[in-house]
Amino acid sequence: MARIGILALQGAFLEHEQLFRRLGAEAVEVRLPEQLEGLDGLVIPGGESTTISLLMDSYGLRDPIIQMSRRGVPLWGTCAGMIILSRNVQDARVRSLDLMDLQVVRNAFGRQIDSFEADLPVPALGEKPFRAVFIRAPIVASVTNGVEVLASLPDGRIAAARQGNLLATAFHPELTDDPRFHQLFLRMANP
């Protein structure tokens, strides 16, 4: 059974826990560095990226998470978590982990009222489109260094990507009943 940590500082972590448990994985809330030990993967959930960034520093999580990634432990960032994983955030208020070769724009679609859902083709998940929930979502402006684009909006803007042990989604898969992104992450955690 995979042991998946969910960074539980702020944001949509409970929904990830529920989905992973439904899939038979052990889901662990992470708030302190010692809770990272023995994990097969870590999810950085959606929420508010400036707050998550500040809290990671306050609790001493930044360097241990970076070291986890360098050891090959899979990390998955959803929405704000994608911003936290990226190398290039177009907002000086966010101190990212500088791990994934993405250039990310925060709140790319506008305010909360501009949130939306879209059916995205995701070939890595099969033929059926994935119903993606975008809430004050970021978007990937560009990728480099072999980042694999997993899904794009009809206008070509990148909404999901993978690079080695890193997975990023601009949307919230945990807010749907479709477990396919969580299953993909479990496969990354148990190759």
N, C-alpha and C. Protein backbone atom coordinates (compact mmCIF):
# COMPACT_ATOMS: atom_id res chain seq x y z
N MET A 1 0.85 -1.19 0.00
CA MET A 1 0.00 0.00 0.00
C MET A 1 0.89 1.24 0.00
N ALA A 2 0.62 2.16 -0.92
CA ALA A 2 1.39 3.40 -0.99
C ALA A 2 1.03 4.30 0.19
N ARG A 3 2.04 5.01 0.67
CA ARG A 3 1.85 5.97 1.76
C ARG A 3 2.05 7.37 1.17
N ILE A 4 0.94 8.09 0.99
CA ILE A 4 0.97 9.38 0.32
C ILE A 4 0.74 10.49 1.34
N GLY A 5 1.64 11.45 1.35
CA GLY A 5 1.48 12.62 2.21
C GLY A 5 0.74 13.72 1.47
N ILE A 6 -0.06 14.45 2.20
CA ILE A 6 -0.72 15.63 1.65
C ILE A 6 -0.35 16.80 2.53
N LEU A 7 0.31 17.80 1.95
CA LEU A 7 0.69 18.98 2.70
C LEU A 7 -0.58 19.64 3.22
N ALA A 8 -0.72 19.69 4.54
CA ALA A 8 -1.99 20.10 5.16
C ALA A 8 -1.83 21.41 5.90
N LEU A 9 -1.19 22.37 5.25
CA LEU A 9 -0.99 23.68 5.87
C LEU A 9 -2.17 24.61 5.61
N GLN A 10 -2.78 24.45 4.45
CA GLN A 10 -3.86 25.33 4.01
C GLN A 10 -4.38 24.76 2.70
N GLY A 11 -5.65 24.96 2.42
CA GLY A 11 -6.17 24.57 1.12
C GLY A 11 -6.94 23.26 1.12
N ALA A 12 -7.07 22.67 -0.08
CA ALA A 12 -7.95 21.52 -0.32
C ALA A 12 -7.24 20.20 -0.09
N PHE A 13 -6.83 19.93 1.14
CA PHE A 13 -6.10 18.68 1.40
C PHE A 13 -7.02 17.52 1.78
N LEU A 14 -8.14 17.78 2.44
CA LEU A 14 -9.04 16.69 2.86
C LEU A 14 -9.59 15.91 1.67
N GLU A 15 -9.91 16.59 0.59
CA GLU A 15 -10.45 15.93 -0.58
C GLU A 15 -9.44 14.97 -1.20
N HIS A 16 -8.15 15.37 -1.20
CA HIS A 16 -7.11 14.45 -1.68
C HIS A 16 -7.04 13.22 -0.79
N GLU A 17 -7.05 13.43 0.51
CA GLU A 17 -7.01 12.31 1.46
C GLU A 17 -8.12 11.31 1.17
N GLN A 18 -9.33 11.81 1.01
CA GLN A 18 -10.48 10.94 0.78
C GLN A 18 -10.32 10.12 -0.50
N LEU A 19 -9.85 10.76 -1.57
CA LEU A 19 -9.68 10.04 -2.83
C LEU A 19 -8.60 8.98 -2.73
N PHE A 20 -7.47 9.31 -2.12
CA PHE A 20 -6.40 8.31 -1.98
C PHE A 20 -6.85 7.13 -1.12
N ARG A 21 -7.57 7.40 -0.06
CA ARG A 21 -8.07 6.31 0.80
C ARG A 21 -9.05 5.43 0.03
N ARG A 22 -9.90 6.07 -0.78
CA ARG A 22 -10.85 5.32 -1.60
C ARG A 22 -10.11 4.37 -2.56
N LEU A 23 -8.91 4.77 -2.97
CA LEU A 23 -8.11 3.95 -3.89
C LEU A 23 -7.23 2.94 -3.15
N GLY A 24 -7.34 2.89 -1.83
CA GLY A 24 -6.60 1.91 -1.06
C GLY A 24 -5.23 2.35 -0.58
N ALA A 25 -4.91 3.61 -0.75
CA ALA A 25 -3.62 4.13 -0.29
C ALA A 25 -3.76 4.66 1.14
N GLU A 26 -2.65 4.73 1.83
CA GLU A 26 -2.61 5.38 3.13
C GLU A 26 -2.38 6.87 2.88
N ALA A 27 -3.23 7.72 3.40
CA ALA A 27 -3.09 9.16 3.23
C ALA A 27 -2.71 9.78 4.57
N VAL A 28 -1.65 10.59 4.57
CA VAL A 28 -1.08 11.16 5.78
C VAL A 28 -1.04 12.68 5.66
N GLU A 29 -1.60 13.38 6.64
CA GLU A 29 -1.48 14.84 6.65
C GLU A 29 -0.08 15.23 7.10
N VAL A 30 0.53 16.18 6.36
CA VAL A 30 1.89 16.62 6.64
C VAL A 30 1.87 18.09 7.03
N ARG A 31 2.37 18.36 8.22
CA ARG A 31 2.49 19.75 8.70
C ARG A 31 3.90 20.05 9.22
N LEU A 32 4.66 19.00 9.50
CA LEU A 32 6.00 19.14 10.08
C LEU A 32 7.00 18.29 9.30
N PRO A 33 8.27 18.69 9.29
CA PRO A 33 9.27 17.95 8.51
C PRO A 33 9.35 16.46 8.83
N GLU A 34 9.22 16.09 10.10
CA GLU A 34 9.34 14.67 10.46
C GLU A 34 8.20 13.83 9.88
N GLN A 35 7.10 14.46 9.48
CA GLN A 35 5.98 13.73 8.89
C GLN A 35 6.22 13.38 7.42
N LEU A 36 7.32 13.85 6.87
CA LEU A 36 7.70 13.51 5.49
C LEU A 36 8.39 12.15 5.41
N GLU A 37 8.86 11.65 6.53
CA GLU A 37 9.61 10.39 6.55
C GLU A 37 8.74 9.21 6.11
N GLY A 38 9.29 8.38 5.26
CA GLY A 38 8.61 7.15 4.85
C GLY A 38 7.50 7.33 3.85
N LEU A 39 7.37 8.50 3.26
CA LEU A 39 6.32 8.72 2.27
C LEU A 39 6.75 8.20 0.90
N ASP A 40 5.78 7.69 0.15
CA ASP A 40 6.02 7.27 -1.23
C ASP A 40 5.71 8.38 -2.22
N GLY A 41 5.07 9.45 -1.75
CA GLY A 41 4.73 10.59 -2.59
C GLY A 41 4.16 11.69 -1.73
N LEU A 42 4.16 12.92 -2.26
CA LEU A 42 3.64 14.07 -1.53
C LEU A 42 2.83 14.94 -2.48
N VAL A 43 1.63 15.32 -2.03
CA VAL A 43 0.76 16.23 -2.78
C VAL A 43 0.81 17.60 -2.13
N ILE A 44 1.02 18.62 -2.95
CA ILE A 44 0.91 20.01 -2.51
C ILE A 44 -0.40 20.51 -3.11
N PRO A 45 -1.43 20.68 -2.26
CA PRO A 45 -2.77 20.92 -2.78
C PRO A 45 -3.00 22.37 -3.20
N GLY A 46 -4.18 22.58 -3.77
CA GLY A 46 -4.62 23.92 -4.08
C GLY A 46 -4.90 24.69 -2.80
N GLY A 47 -4.93 25.98 -2.92
CA GLY A 47 -5.14 26.88 -1.80
C GLY A 47 -4.65 28.26 -2.23
N GLU A 48 -3.90 28.90 -1.38
CA GLU A 48 -3.36 30.22 -1.69
C GLU A 48 -1.83 30.11 -1.69
N SER A 49 -1.22 30.28 -2.85
CA SER A 49 0.20 29.98 -3.02
C SER A 49 1.11 30.84 -2.15
N THR A 50 0.77 32.11 -1.94
CA THR A 50 1.64 32.94 -1.07
C THR A 50 1.57 32.42 0.36
N THR A 51 0.40 32.03 0.82
CA THR A 51 0.24 31.50 2.18
C THR A 51 0.97 30.17 2.33
N ILE A 52 0.80 29.27 1.37
CA ILE A 52 1.47 27.96 1.43
C ILE A 52 2.99 28.17 1.47
N SER A 53 3.49 29.06 0.64
CA SER A 53 4.93 29.35 0.59
C SER A 53 5.44 29.84 1.95
N LEU A 54 4.73 30.79 2.54
CA LEU A 54 5.13 31.32 3.85
C LEU A 54 5.08 30.25 4.94
N LEU A 55 4.02 29.44 4.93
CA LEU A 55 3.88 28.41 5.96
C LEU A 55 4.92 27.30 5.80
N MET A 56 5.29 26.96 4.57
CA MET A 56 6.36 25.97 4.37
C MET A 56 7.64 26.45 5.05
N ASP A 57 7.93 27.74 4.91
CA ASP A 57 9.13 28.29 5.55
C ASP A 57 8.98 28.33 7.07
N SER A 58 7.81 28.73 7.55
CA SER A 58 7.57 28.82 8.99
C SER A 58 7.74 27.47 9.68
N TYR A 59 7.32 26.40 9.02
CA TYR A 59 7.39 25.06 9.61
C TYR A 59 8.63 24.27 9.20
N GLY A 60 9.55 24.91 8.48
CA GLY A 60 10.80 24.24 8.11
C GLY A 60 10.63 23.11 7.10
N LEU A 61 9.65 23.24 6.21
CA LEU A 61 9.36 22.17 5.25
C LEU A 61 10.04 22.33 3.90
N ARG A 62 10.45 23.55 3.55
CA ARG A 62 10.98 23.80 2.21
C ARG A 62 12.14 22.88 1.85
N ASP A 63 13.21 22.92 2.61
CA ASP A 63 14.39 22.11 2.26
C ASP A 63 14.13 20.62 2.31
N PRO A 64 13.41 20.10 3.33
CA PRO A 64 13.12 18.67 3.31
C PRO A 64 12.29 18.23 2.10
N ILE A 65 11.36 19.05 1.64
CA ILE A 65 10.58 18.69 0.46
C ILE A 65 11.47 18.70 -0.78
N ILE A 66 12.34 19.68 -0.90
CA ILE A 66 13.27 19.73 -2.04
C ILE A 66 14.16 18.49 -2.03
N GLN A 67 14.66 18.10 -0.87
CA GLN A 67 15.51 16.91 -0.76
C GLN A 67 14.73 15.64 -1.13
N MET A 68 13.47 15.56 -0.71
CA MET A 68 12.62 14.43 -1.10
C MET A 68 12.57 14.29 -2.60
N SER A 69 12.31 15.41 -3.27
CA SER A 69 12.20 15.40 -4.72
C SER A 69 13.51 14.96 -5.36
N ARG A 70 14.60 15.46 -4.84
CA ARG A 70 15.92 15.09 -5.40
C ARG A 70 16.24 13.62 -5.21
N ARG A 71 15.64 13.00 -4.19
CA ARG A 71 15.82 11.55 -3.98
C ARG A 71 14.90 10.75 -4.89
N GLY A 72 14.04 11.44 -5.64
CA GLY A 72 13.16 10.76 -6.58
C GLY A 72 11.76 10.49 -6.08
N VAL A 73 11.40 10.97 -4.88
CA VAL A 73 10.04 10.79 -4.37
C VAL A 73 9.10 11.67 -5.20
N PRO A 74 8.02 11.12 -5.73
CA PRO A 74 7.11 11.91 -6.55
C PRO A 74 6.42 13.02 -5.76
N LEU A 75 6.29 14.18 -6.40
CA LEU A 75 5.54 15.31 -5.86
C LEU A 75 4.48 15.69 -6.88
N TRP A 76 3.29 16.06 -6.38
CA TRP A 76 2.20 16.48 -7.24
C TRP A 76 1.65 17.80 -6.71
N GLY A 77 1.65 18.81 -7.54
CA GLY A 77 1.07 20.10 -7.17
C GLY A 77 -0.21 20.34 -7.93
N THR A 78 -1.31 20.62 -7.19
CA THR A 78 -2.59 20.94 -7.83
C THR A 78 -2.88 22.42 -7.58
N CYS A 79 -3.21 23.14 -8.64
CA CYS A 79 -3.54 24.56 -8.59
C CYS A 79 -2.42 25.34 -7.90
N ALA A 80 -2.61 25.82 -6.69
CA ALA A 80 -1.54 26.54 -6.00
C ALA A 80 -0.29 25.68 -5.85
N GLY A 81 -0.49 24.37 -5.69
CA GLY A 81 0.64 23.46 -5.60
C GLY A 81 1.49 23.45 -6.86
N MET A 82 0.85 23.64 -8.02
CA MET A 82 1.61 23.74 -9.27
C MET A 82 2.50 24.98 -9.24
N ILE A 83 1.98 26.06 -8.72
CA ILE A 83 2.77 27.29 -8.59
C ILE A 83 3.97 27.04 -7.69
N ILE A 84 3.74 26.36 -6.57
CA ILE A 84 4.81 26.08 -5.61
C ILE A 84 5.90 25.20 -6.22
N LEU A 85 5.55 24.25 -7.08
CA LEU A 85 6.55 23.38 -7.70
C LEU A 85 7.39 24.07 -8.77
N SER A 86 6.86 25.09 -9.40
CA SER A 86 7.48 25.66 -10.61
C SER A 86 8.78 26.41 -10.35
N ARG A 87 9.55 26.53 -11.42
CA ARG A 87 10.81 27.29 -11.36
C ARG A 87 10.60 28.78 -11.57
N ASN A 88 9.54 29.14 -12.28
CA ASN A 88 9.37 30.53 -12.66
C ASN A 88 7.92 30.95 -12.42
N VAL A 89 7.71 31.71 -11.35
CA VAL A 89 6.38 32.23 -11.03
C VAL A 89 6.39 33.73 -11.31
N GLN A 90 5.42 34.19 -12.05
CA GLN A 90 5.38 35.61 -12.39
C GLN A 90 4.69 36.40 -11.29
N ASP A 91 5.20 36.23 -10.06
CA ASP A 91 4.69 36.95 -8.91
C ASP A 91 5.74 36.88 -7.81
N ALA A 92 6.35 38.01 -7.49
CA ALA A 92 7.46 38.05 -6.53
C ALA A 92 7.04 37.68 -5.10
N ARG A 93 5.73 37.66 -4.83
CA ARG A 93 5.27 37.33 -3.48
C ARG A 93 5.34 35.84 -3.18
N VAL A 94 5.52 35.02 -4.20
CA VAL A 94 5.55 33.56 -4.02
C VAL A 94 6.99 33.07 -4.16
N ARG A 95 7.45 32.37 -3.15
CA ARG A 95 8.76 31.71 -3.20
C ARG A 95 8.52 30.23 -3.49
N SER A 96 8.73 29.85 -4.73
CA SER A 96 8.44 28.48 -5.14
C SER A 96 9.57 27.54 -4.69
N LEU A 97 9.35 26.25 -4.90
CA LEU A 97 10.38 25.24 -4.60
C LEU A 97 11.42 25.16 -5.70
N ASP A 98 11.14 25.77 -6.86
CA ASP A 98 12.11 25.84 -7.95
C ASP A 98 12.50 24.44 -8.44
N LEU A 99 11.50 23.56 -8.63
CA LEU A 99 11.79 22.17 -9.00
C LEU A 99 11.39 21.82 -10.43
N MET A 100 10.26 22.31 -10.89
CA MET A 100 9.71 21.88 -12.18
C MET A 100 9.89 22.99 -13.21
N ASP A 101 10.31 22.61 -14.40
CA ASP A 101 10.63 23.59 -15.44
C ASP A 101 9.38 24.13 -16.11
N LEU A 102 8.63 24.89 -15.31
CA LEU A 102 7.40 25.54 -15.76
C LEU A 102 7.50 27.02 -15.48
N GLN A 103 6.97 27.82 -16.38
CA GLN A 103 6.72 29.23 -16.11
C GLN A 103 5.21 29.34 -15.88
N VAL A 104 4.83 29.83 -14.69
CA VAL A 104 3.43 29.80 -14.27
C VAL A 104 2.93 31.21 -14.01
N VAL A 105 1.69 31.46 -14.43
CA VAL A 105 1.01 32.73 -14.17
C VAL A 105 -0.09 32.46 -13.16
N ARG A 106 -0.06 33.14 -12.01
CA ARG A 106 -1.09 32.98 -10.98
C ARG A 106 -2.40 33.61 -11.43
N ASN A 107 -3.51 33.06 -10.95
CA ASN A 107 -4.85 33.60 -11.20
C ASN A 107 -5.03 34.01 -12.67
N ALA A 108 -4.63 33.12 -13.56
CA ALA A 108 -4.61 33.43 -14.99
C ALA A 108 -5.99 33.68 -15.59
N PHE A 109 -7.03 33.21 -14.92
CA PHE A 109 -8.38 33.33 -15.47
C PHE A 109 -9.20 34.40 -14.77
N GLY A 110 -8.61 35.07 -13.80
CA GLY A 110 -9.35 36.12 -13.11
C GLY A 110 -9.75 35.73 -11.70
N ARG A 111 -10.82 36.33 -11.24
CA ARG A 111 -11.26 36.18 -9.86
C ARG A 111 -12.07 34.90 -9.65
N GLN A 112 -12.50 34.69 -8.42
CA GLN A 112 -13.28 33.51 -8.05
C GLN A 112 -14.52 33.35 -8.94
N ILE A 113 -15.15 34.44 -9.26
CA ILE A 113 -16.36 34.40 -10.08
C ILE A 113 -16.07 33.86 -11.48
N ASP A 114 -14.81 33.91 -11.90
CA ASP A 114 -14.42 33.43 -13.23
C ASP A 114 -14.03 31.96 -13.24
N SER A 115 -14.24 31.26 -12.13
CA SER A 115 -13.95 29.82 -12.08
C SER A 115 -14.84 29.09 -13.07
N PHE A 116 -14.34 27.94 -13.55
CA PHE A 116 -15.09 27.20 -14.57
C PHE A 116 -14.68 25.73 -14.58
N GLU A 117 -15.41 24.93 -15.33
CA GLU A 117 -15.09 23.53 -15.55
C GLU A 117 -14.93 23.31 -17.05
N ALA A 118 -14.07 22.35 -17.40
CA ALA A 118 -13.84 22.04 -18.81
C ALA A 118 -13.49 20.56 -18.95
N ASP A 119 -13.96 19.95 -20.04
CA ASP A 119 -13.58 18.57 -20.36
C ASP A 119 -12.28 18.60 -21.14
N LEU A 120 -11.24 18.01 -20.56
CA LEU A 120 -9.91 18.02 -21.17
C LEU A 120 -9.51 16.64 -21.67
N PRO A 121 -9.05 16.55 -22.92
CA PRO A 121 -8.44 15.30 -23.35
C PRO A 121 -7.12 15.12 -22.60
N VAL A 122 -6.94 13.95 -22.00
CA VAL A 122 -5.70 13.62 -21.29
C VAL A 122 -5.31 12.22 -21.75
N PRO A 123 -4.57 12.09 -22.87
CA PRO A 123 -4.23 10.78 -23.40
C PRO A 123 -3.60 9.83 -22.37
N ALA A 124 -2.82 10.37 -21.43
CA ALA A 124 -2.18 9.52 -20.42
C ALA A 124 -3.20 8.85 -19.50
N LEU A 125 -4.44 9.35 -19.49
CA LEU A 125 -5.49 8.78 -18.63
C LEU A 125 -6.49 7.94 -19.41
N GLY A 126 -6.33 7.84 -20.72
CA GLY A 126 -7.27 7.09 -21.54
C GLY A 126 -8.05 8.00 -22.47
N GLU A 127 -9.06 7.41 -23.13
CA GLU A 127 -9.81 8.15 -24.15
C GLU A 127 -10.83 9.12 -23.57
N LYS A 128 -11.42 8.80 -22.43
CA LYS A 128 -12.47 9.64 -21.85
C LYS A 128 -11.87 10.96 -21.36
N PRO A 129 -12.45 12.11 -21.75
CA PRO A 129 -11.95 13.40 -21.26
C PRO A 129 -12.06 13.49 -19.74
N PHE A 130 -11.23 14.31 -19.15
CA PHE A 130 -11.25 14.55 -17.71
C PHE A 130 -11.96 15.87 -17.44
N ARG A 131 -12.96 15.84 -16.57
CA ARG A 131 -13.71 17.05 -16.22
C ARG A 131 -12.88 17.83 -15.20
N ALA A 132 -12.25 18.92 -15.63
CA ALA A 132 -11.33 19.69 -14.80
C ALA A 132 -12.03 20.89 -14.19
N VAL A 133 -11.80 21.09 -12.89
CA VAL A 133 -12.38 22.20 -12.14
C VAL A 133 -11.29 23.25 -11.92
N PHE A 134 -11.48 24.42 -12.53
CA PHE A 134 -10.52 25.52 -12.43
C PHE A 134 -11.08 26.58 -11.48
N ILE A 135 -10.41 26.81 -10.35
CA ILE A 135 -10.84 27.79 -9.37
C ILE A 135 -9.70 28.77 -9.13
N ARG A 136 -9.86 30.01 -9.58
CA ARG A 136 -8.77 31.01 -9.51
C ARG A 136 -7.46 30.38 -9.94
N ALA A 137 -7.52 29.68 -11.01
CA ALA A 137 -6.43 28.78 -11.42
C ALA A 137 -5.25 29.50 -12.06
N PRO A 138 -4.07 28.91 -11.87
CA PRO A 138 -2.90 29.36 -12.62
C PRO A 138 -2.93 28.71 -14.00
N ILE A 139 -1.99 29.10 -14.82
CA ILE A 139 -1.81 28.43 -16.11
C ILE A 139 -0.32 28.38 -16.39
N VAL A 140 0.09 27.39 -17.14
CA VAL A 140 1.48 27.25 -17.53
C VAL A 140 1.70 28.08 -18.78
N ALA A 141 2.57 29.09 -18.68
CA ALA A 141 2.88 29.95 -19.82
C ALA A 141 3.87 29.28 -20.76
N SER A 142 4.80 28.50 -20.20
CA SER A 142 5.77 27.80 -21.04
C SER A 142 6.43 26.69 -20.24
N VAL A 143 6.98 25.71 -20.96
CA VAL A 143 7.72 24.60 -20.37
C VAL A 143 9.07 24.49 -21.07
N THR A 144 10.03 23.90 -20.36
CA THR A 144 11.36 23.66 -20.94
C THR A 144 11.87 22.31 -20.43
N ASN A 145 13.04 21.93 -20.90
CA ASN A 145 13.79 20.77 -20.39
C ASN A 145 12.98 19.48 -20.34
N GLY A 146 12.26 19.18 -21.40
CA GLY A 146 11.60 17.89 -21.51
C GLY A 146 10.36 17.71 -20.68
N VAL A 147 9.72 18.79 -20.26
CA VAL A 147 8.46 18.67 -19.54
C VAL A 147 7.42 18.11 -20.51
N GLU A 148 6.70 17.08 -20.08
CA GLU A 148 5.67 16.46 -20.89
C GLU A 148 4.33 17.14 -20.60
N VAL A 149 3.72 17.69 -21.62
CA VAL A 149 2.40 18.29 -21.48
C VAL A 149 1.36 17.17 -21.50
N LEU A 150 0.57 17.08 -20.43
CA LEU A 150 -0.45 16.04 -20.32
C LEU A 150 -1.82 16.51 -20.79
N ALA A 151 -2.11 17.80 -20.62
CA ALA A 151 -3.43 18.32 -21.01
C ALA A 151 -3.33 19.81 -21.28
N SER A 152 -4.12 20.24 -22.27
CA SER A 152 -4.21 21.66 -22.61
C SER A 152 -5.67 22.03 -22.81
N LEU A 153 -5.96 23.29 -22.59
CA LEU A 153 -7.28 23.82 -22.89
C LEU A 153 -7.45 23.94 -24.40
N PRO A 154 -8.67 24.09 -24.89
CA PRO A 154 -8.88 24.20 -26.33
C PRO A 154 -8.06 25.32 -26.99
N ASP A 155 -7.75 26.39 -26.24
CA ASP A 155 -6.96 27.48 -26.81
C ASP A 155 -5.45 27.21 -26.76
N GLY A 156 -5.05 26.03 -26.30
CA GLY A 156 -3.65 25.64 -26.29
C GLY A 156 -2.92 25.90 -24.99
N ARG A 157 -3.53 26.59 -24.04
CA ARG A 157 -2.86 26.84 -22.77
C ARG A 157 -2.72 25.54 -21.98
N ILE A 158 -1.53 25.33 -21.43
CA ILE A 158 -1.19 24.08 -20.75
C ILE A 158 -1.84 24.04 -19.37
N ALA A 159 -2.52 22.92 -19.07
CA ALA A 159 -3.23 22.77 -17.80
C ALA A 159 -2.70 21.63 -16.94
N ALA A 160 -1.89 20.73 -17.51
CA ALA A 160 -1.30 19.64 -16.73
C ALA A 160 0.00 19.21 -17.39
N ALA A 161 0.98 18.87 -16.55
CA ALA A 161 2.29 18.49 -17.08
C ALA A 161 2.98 17.54 -16.11
N ARG A 162 3.98 16.84 -16.65
CA ARG A 162 4.77 15.91 -15.85
C ARG A 162 6.24 16.06 -16.26
N GLN A 163 7.12 15.98 -15.28
CA GLN A 163 8.56 16.02 -15.54
C GLN A 163 9.23 15.09 -14.53
N GLY A 164 9.65 13.93 -15.00
CA GLY A 164 10.28 12.96 -14.10
C GLY A 164 9.34 12.58 -12.98
N ASN A 165 9.73 12.84 -11.75
CA ASN A 165 8.93 12.50 -10.57
C ASN A 165 7.97 13.62 -10.16
N LEU A 166 7.78 14.61 -11.03
CA LEU A 166 6.93 15.76 -10.70
C LEU A 166 5.69 15.79 -11.59
N LEU A 167 4.54 16.05 -10.96
CA LEU A 167 3.27 16.15 -11.67
C LEU A 167 2.62 17.46 -11.25
N ALA A 168 2.01 18.16 -12.21
CA ALA A 168 1.37 19.44 -11.89
C ALA A 168 0.08 19.57 -12.67
N THR A 169 -0.98 20.02 -11.96
CA THR A 169 -2.26 20.29 -12.60
C THR A 169 -2.73 21.67 -12.17
N ALA A 170 -3.19 22.47 -13.13
CA ALA A 170 -3.67 23.82 -12.84
C ALA A 170 -5.06 23.76 -12.21
N PHE A 171 -5.69 22.63 -12.29
CA PHE A 171 -7.06 22.45 -11.82
C PHE A 171 -7.07 21.53 -10.58
N HIS A 172 -8.28 21.21 -10.11
CA HIS A 172 -8.48 20.46 -8.87
C HIS A 172 -9.08 19.08 -9.14
N PRO A 173 -8.28 18.06 -9.44
CA PRO A 173 -8.84 16.72 -9.66
C PRO A 173 -9.53 16.15 -8.42
N GLU A 174 -9.14 16.62 -7.25
CA GLU A 174 -9.72 16.11 -6.00
C GLU A 174 -11.17 16.56 -5.80
N LEU A 175 -11.64 17.52 -6.58
CA LEU A 175 -13.01 18.01 -6.45
C LEU A 175 -13.98 17.30 -7.40
N THR A 176 -13.51 16.22 -8.01
CA THR A 176 -14.35 15.42 -8.89
C THR A 176 -14.43 14.00 -8.33
N ASP A 177 -15.30 13.20 -8.91
CA ASP A 177 -15.37 11.78 -8.55
C ASP A 177 -14.47 10.93 -9.44
N ASP A 178 -13.75 11.55 -10.34
CA ASP A 178 -12.89 10.84 -11.28
C ASP A 178 -11.51 10.64 -10.64
N PRO A 179 -11.12 9.41 -10.33
CA PRO A 179 -9.86 9.17 -9.62
C PRO A 179 -8.63 9.01 -10.51
N ARG A 180 -8.75 9.26 -11.81
CA ARG A 180 -7.66 8.89 -12.72
C ARG A 180 -6.36 9.64 -12.48
N PHE A 181 -6.40 10.92 -12.10
CA PHE A 181 -5.13 11.61 -11.80
C PHE A 181 -4.51 11.06 -10.52
N HIS A 182 -5.34 10.73 -9.54
CA HIS A 182 -4.82 10.13 -8.30
C HIS A 182 -4.23 8.75 -8.58
N GLN A 183 -4.86 8.00 -9.47
CA GLN A 183 -4.31 6.70 -9.87
C GLN A 183 -2.97 6.87 -10.59
N LEU A 184 -2.88 7.88 -11.46
CA LEU A 184 -1.62 8.16 -12.14
C LEU A 184 -0.52 8.47 -11.12
N PHE A 185 -0.84 9.29 -10.12
CA PHE A 185 0.16 9.63 -9.10
C PHE A 185 0.55 8.38 -8.29
N LEU A 186 -0.40 7.53 -7.99
CA LEU A 186 -0.05 6.29 -7.27
C LEU A 186 0.87 5.41 -8.11
N ARG A 187 0.67 5.38 -9.42
CA ARG A 187 1.59 4.63 -10.29
C ARG A 187 2.99 5.24 -10.25
N MET A 188 3.06 6.57 -10.19
CA MET A 188 4.37 7.23 -10.08
C MET A 188 5.03 6.89 -8.74
N ALA A 189 4.22 6.76 -7.68
CA ALA A 189 4.75 6.47 -6.34
C ALA A 189 5.13 4.99 -6.18
N ASN A 190 4.54 4.12 -6.99
CA ASN A 190 4.83 2.68 -6.96
C ASN A 190 5.16 2.19 -8.35
N PRO A 191 6.33 2.59 -8.89
CA PRO A 191 6.64 2.20 -10.28
C PRO A 191 6.81 0.70 -10.46
